[in-house]
Each structure stands twice: as C-alpha cells, then as structure tokens.
Protein backbone atom coordinates (compact mmCIF):
# COMPACT_ATOMS: atom_id res chain seq x y z
CA MET A 1 -75.06 99.45 174.13
CA GLU A 2 -76.42 96.42 175.97
CA HIS A 3 -79.32 96.68 178.36
CA GLU A 4 -78.27 96.16 181.94
CA GLY A 5 -80.99 94.65 184.12
CA PRO A 6 -81.49 95.65 187.74
CA ALA A 7 -79.20 94.07 190.31
CA ASP A 8 -82.14 92.39 192.11
CA PRO A 9 -84.18 90.10 189.79
CA ARG A 10 -87.17 90.65 192.07
CA VAL A 11 -87.45 94.14 190.57
CA ASN A 12 -88.29 92.63 187.17
CA ALA A 13 -90.58 90.05 188.79
CA ALA A 14 -92.43 92.83 190.64
CA ARG A 15 -92.82 94.89 187.46
CA ALA A 16 -94.11 91.83 185.62
CA ASN A 17 -96.73 91.41 188.37
CA VAL A 18 -98.42 94.79 187.73
CA TRP A 19 -101.25 93.47 185.56
CA HIS A 20 -101.70 90.41 187.77
CA ALA A 21 -102.39 92.74 190.69
CA LEU A 22 -104.32 95.41 188.79
CA LEU A 23 -106.97 93.07 187.37
CA PRO A 24 -108.17 91.67 190.72
CA ALA A 25 -107.87 95.14 192.27
CA GLY A 26 -110.21 96.58 189.67
CA ILE A 27 -112.71 93.74 189.88
CA MET A 28 -112.74 93.81 193.68
CA LEU A 29 -113.20 97.59 193.78
CA VAL A 30 -116.02 97.56 191.25
CA TYR A 31 -117.87 94.78 193.01
CA GLY A 32 -117.08 96.09 196.49
CA PHE A 33 -118.09 99.70 195.93
CA VAL A 34 -120.69 99.39 193.15
CA TYR A 35 -122.50 96.05 193.19
CA TYR A 36 -122.04 95.03 196.83
CA SER A 37 -121.67 98.46 198.43
CA ASP A 38 -124.21 97.77 201.18
CA VAL A 39 -124.42 93.99 201.10
CA SER A 40 -125.84 92.16 204.09
CA GLY A 41 -127.09 88.67 204.70
CA THR A 42 -130.84 88.08 204.99
CA SER A 43 -130.76 84.56 206.33
CA ASN A 44 -131.85 83.18 209.69
CA SER A 45 -128.23 82.05 210.14
CA GLU A 46 -126.18 84.66 211.99
CA ILE A 47 -122.87 83.13 210.84
CA TYR A 48 -124.01 83.30 207.20
CA ASN A 49 -125.02 86.95 207.59
CA ARG A 50 -121.63 87.76 209.14
CA ALA A 51 -119.85 85.91 206.32
CA VAL A 52 -121.72 88.02 203.76
CA THR A 53 -120.64 91.19 205.59
CA VAL A 54 -117.03 89.96 205.76
CA PHE A 55 -117.14 89.16 202.03
CA GLY A 56 -118.28 92.71 201.20
CA ALA A 57 -115.60 94.21 203.41
CA THR A 58 -112.94 91.95 201.86
CA LEU A 59 -113.88 93.19 198.40
CA LYS A 60 -113.44 96.81 199.48
CA ILE A 61 -110.38 96.49 201.71
CA GLY A 62 -108.72 93.85 199.52
CA GLY A 63 -109.34 95.96 196.42
CA VAL A 64 -107.69 99.00 197.98
CA LEU A 65 -104.75 96.89 199.17
CA MET A 66 -104.36 95.35 195.70
CA VAL A 67 -104.14 98.89 194.28
CA ALA A 68 -101.28 99.49 196.71
CA VAL A 69 -99.67 96.23 195.53
CA THR A 70 -100.08 97.38 191.91
CA ALA A 71 -98.40 100.71 192.66
CA ALA A 72 -95.53 99.03 194.51
CA CYS A 73 -95.08 96.59 191.63
CA ALA A 74 -95.17 99.39 189.06
CA ILE A 75 -92.24 101.19 190.70
CA GLY A 76 -90.32 97.93 190.95
CA MET A 77 -90.18 97.46 194.71
CA PRO A 78 -88.96 93.93 195.48
CA ALA A 79 -91.06 93.97 198.67
CA ALA A 80 -94.15 94.34 196.47
CA LEU A 81 -93.98 90.58 195.91
CA LEU A 82 -94.14 90.01 199.66
CA LEU A 83 -97.01 92.49 199.98
CA ASP A 84 -98.82 90.74 197.12
CA ALA A 85 -98.32 87.38 198.82
CA ILE A 86 -99.77 88.67 202.10
CA VAL A 87 -102.76 90.43 200.53
CA SER A 88 -103.54 87.56 198.12
CA VAL A 89 -103.37 84.91 200.83
CA GLY A 90 -105.51 87.07 203.12
CA CYS A 91 -108.16 87.64 200.47
CA GLY A 92 -108.01 84.03 199.28
CA GLY A 93 -108.36 82.62 202.77
CA THR A 94 -111.26 84.93 203.52
CA PHE A 95 -113.02 84.10 200.25
CA ALA A 96 -112.56 80.36 200.80
CA ALA A 97 -113.82 80.57 204.39
CA CYS A 98 -116.85 82.65 203.38
CA GLY A 99 -117.56 80.24 200.53
CA LEU A 100 -117.52 77.26 202.87
CA ILE A 101 -119.78 79.05 205.34
CA TRP A 102 -122.22 79.97 202.55
CA LEU A 103 -122.35 76.39 201.32
CA ILE A 104 -122.60 74.70 204.71
CA THR A 105 -125.00 77.00 206.53
CA VAL A 106 -127.65 77.76 203.89
CA GLY A 107 -126.55 75.84 200.80
CA ASP A 108 -125.81 79.04 198.83
CA LEU A 109 -124.20 77.78 195.62
CA GLN A 110 -122.35 81.07 195.15
CA GLY A 111 -120.09 79.68 197.83
CA ILE A 112 -118.60 77.44 195.12
CA LEU A 113 -117.49 80.54 193.23
CA LEU A 114 -115.99 81.98 196.38
CA LEU A 115 -114.10 78.74 196.96
CA VAL A 116 -112.73 78.84 193.41
CA PHE A 117 -111.69 82.50 193.74
CA GLY A 118 -110.21 81.74 197.14
CA ILE A 119 -108.07 78.97 195.67
CA ILE A 120 -106.97 81.24 192.81
CA PHE A 121 -105.95 83.98 195.26
CA LEU A 122 -104.15 81.48 197.49
CA ALA A 123 -102.22 80.11 194.49
CA SER A 124 -101.32 83.64 193.42
CA GLY A 125 -100.10 84.45 196.91
CA TRP A 126 -97.99 81.29 196.97
CA SER A 127 -96.48 82.20 193.60
CA SER A 128 -95.62 85.73 194.74
CA TRP A 129 -94.12 84.38 197.95
CA ASN A 130 -91.94 81.98 195.96
CA LEU A 131 -90.72 84.79 193.69
CA TYR A 132 -89.93 86.93 196.71
CA ALA A 133 -88.27 84.13 198.70
CA ILE A 134 -86.03 82.83 195.91
CA GLY A 135 -85.06 86.30 194.77
CA GLY A 136 -87.10 86.54 191.59
CA VAL A 137 -86.36 84.95 188.26
CA ALA A 138 -82.90 85.46 186.76
CA ASP A 139 -82.88 87.74 183.73
CA ALA A 140 -82.21 85.90 180.48
CA ARG A 141 -79.43 88.40 179.68
CA ASP A 142 -77.68 87.57 182.94
CA PRO A 143 -74.32 85.92 182.15
CA ALA A 144 -74.53 83.91 185.37
CA ALA A 145 -77.76 82.35 184.12
CA GLU A 146 -76.04 81.32 180.88
CA ALA A 147 -73.00 79.78 182.61
CA ASP A 148 -74.59 76.35 182.98
CA GLU A 149 -74.79 75.09 179.43
CA PRO A 150 -76.41 71.72 178.86
CA PRO A 151 -74.14 68.83 177.89
CA PRO A 152 -73.82 68.13 174.17
CA HIS A 153 -76.05 65.48 172.66
CA PRO A 154 -74.10 62.24 172.01
CA ALA A 155 -75.03 62.34 168.32
CA SER A 156 -73.27 65.69 167.97
CA LEU A 157 -69.91 64.32 169.19
CA PRO A 158 -67.35 63.35 166.53
CA SER A 159 -66.66 59.69 165.71
CA ASP A 160 -63.45 58.18 164.27
CA ALA A 161 -65.50 55.83 162.07
CA LEU A 162 -67.20 58.65 160.19
CA PRO A 163 -65.55 60.78 157.52
CA ARG A 164 -64.81 64.45 158.19
CA PRO A 165 -67.16 66.99 156.58
CA ASP A 166 -64.72 67.62 153.70
CA GLU A 167 -64.51 63.87 152.80
CA THR A 168 -66.95 61.83 150.76
CA PRO A 169 -69.67 59.86 152.57
CA PRO A 170 -69.03 56.17 153.32
CA PRO A 171 -70.04 54.00 150.33
CA ASP A 172 -72.19 51.64 152.43
CA GLY A 173 -73.78 54.42 154.54
CA TYR A 174 -73.22 56.14 157.86
CA LEU A 175 -74.84 53.47 160.04
CA ALA A 176 -72.65 50.75 158.53
CA ALA A 177 -69.55 52.90 159.19
CA LEU A 178 -70.64 53.44 162.80
CA SER A 179 -71.15 49.69 163.29
CA ARG A 180 -67.48 49.09 162.39
CA GLU A 181 -66.29 51.51 165.07
CA LYS A 182 -63.76 49.76 167.33
CA THR A 183 -64.09 52.03 170.37
CA ASP A 184 -67.10 52.66 172.56
CA PRO A 185 -69.33 55.42 171.26
CA PRO A 186 -68.57 58.87 172.67
CA ARG A 187 -70.36 59.91 175.83
CA ALA A 188 -71.65 63.30 176.73
CA GLU A 189 -70.12 63.78 180.15
CA HIS A 190 -71.27 66.75 182.17
CA GLU A 191 -69.70 67.81 185.43
C-alpha cells in the first residue's frame, strides 16, 4: 500500500517546520523568563533603556508565540506557516531595531548580536511566508511533480553510425564511427 500525502503540501511543510519553531521558542523562553526576567536599561539614554525593556518583552512574548507556532506546525495546520512568518518577522524586526538602538545610542556591542539574530528571524519569516504563499513544497511521491521529466542527454540518443548493442564495436573506435556520420547529430528536443 502506497503512502498518500496530504492534499495540501503546506501540511508537510508546516510539520517539517516544528523543530525550526521549537528551538527559538525554547531559547527565547529561557532567556526571557530566566536570564532576563527583570531586565532594564541603566543608561542615561531613555531610548536605550526602553529598547532594553522592549527586548526583554520580545523574548517573553515572542517565545510564547513561537510555542503556539510550534503547536500549530505539529498538528499540520497550513496557516501555521503564515503565523510563523508573522511572528518571526515581528521578532526579527524588533531585535534588529533594538540592536541598532543599542549600538547607536551607547555603543553596546551586544547590539551586533541582536542585529544578527534579527536578520536570522527576518530570513526565517520570509522563508515561511514563501512556503505559505506558494502552497508548500510538492511531495516527491506526487505524480504531478514527476510529470516534467528532463530531456534526454544528447549522448544517450541512438546514432545510425554506431553499432547496436548486440553487434561488435567498430574496428577503428566509436569516435571514428561518429565522425563518418552523414546526418546531423541527434538533438535532445524538449517541449
């Protein structure tokens, strides 16, 4: 009995996204509720202090939302990809903005890390959006995905100048036999 995949390829794409959502969820929750549970800025810059508070809140809220994304992905909801895109872009944009504020206002080099994590989250959100928008990735067992076969390689097409497999090889070699061919070499035409 052959395995039948779900009708919507986004179901498989969502299920494949479980670990990609669970890892950042776990890291954000641990840092948000354990290491940065009561984080606050201690600078003279009010905007820096607010950015630190926003960063701590993003870890907590983003972590909880990523757990929701993980659960939606685990049950195979196609909309989980859209939810992942929204949450990832939101967290990534916030991290990148906080990182820039940290770097510009007080020269806090941890802002570089936030920029890197922001870019990673933004790229993940873009990837999830693409999977959602195009309808996921076609299953390899899908006959429709196998319908477009590549054209044959020209070397695999038969030639009148060469002997058939049951005949003996040409005495002066295959290349010499091909050079005596009167017609143009075969072409691999693909519609």
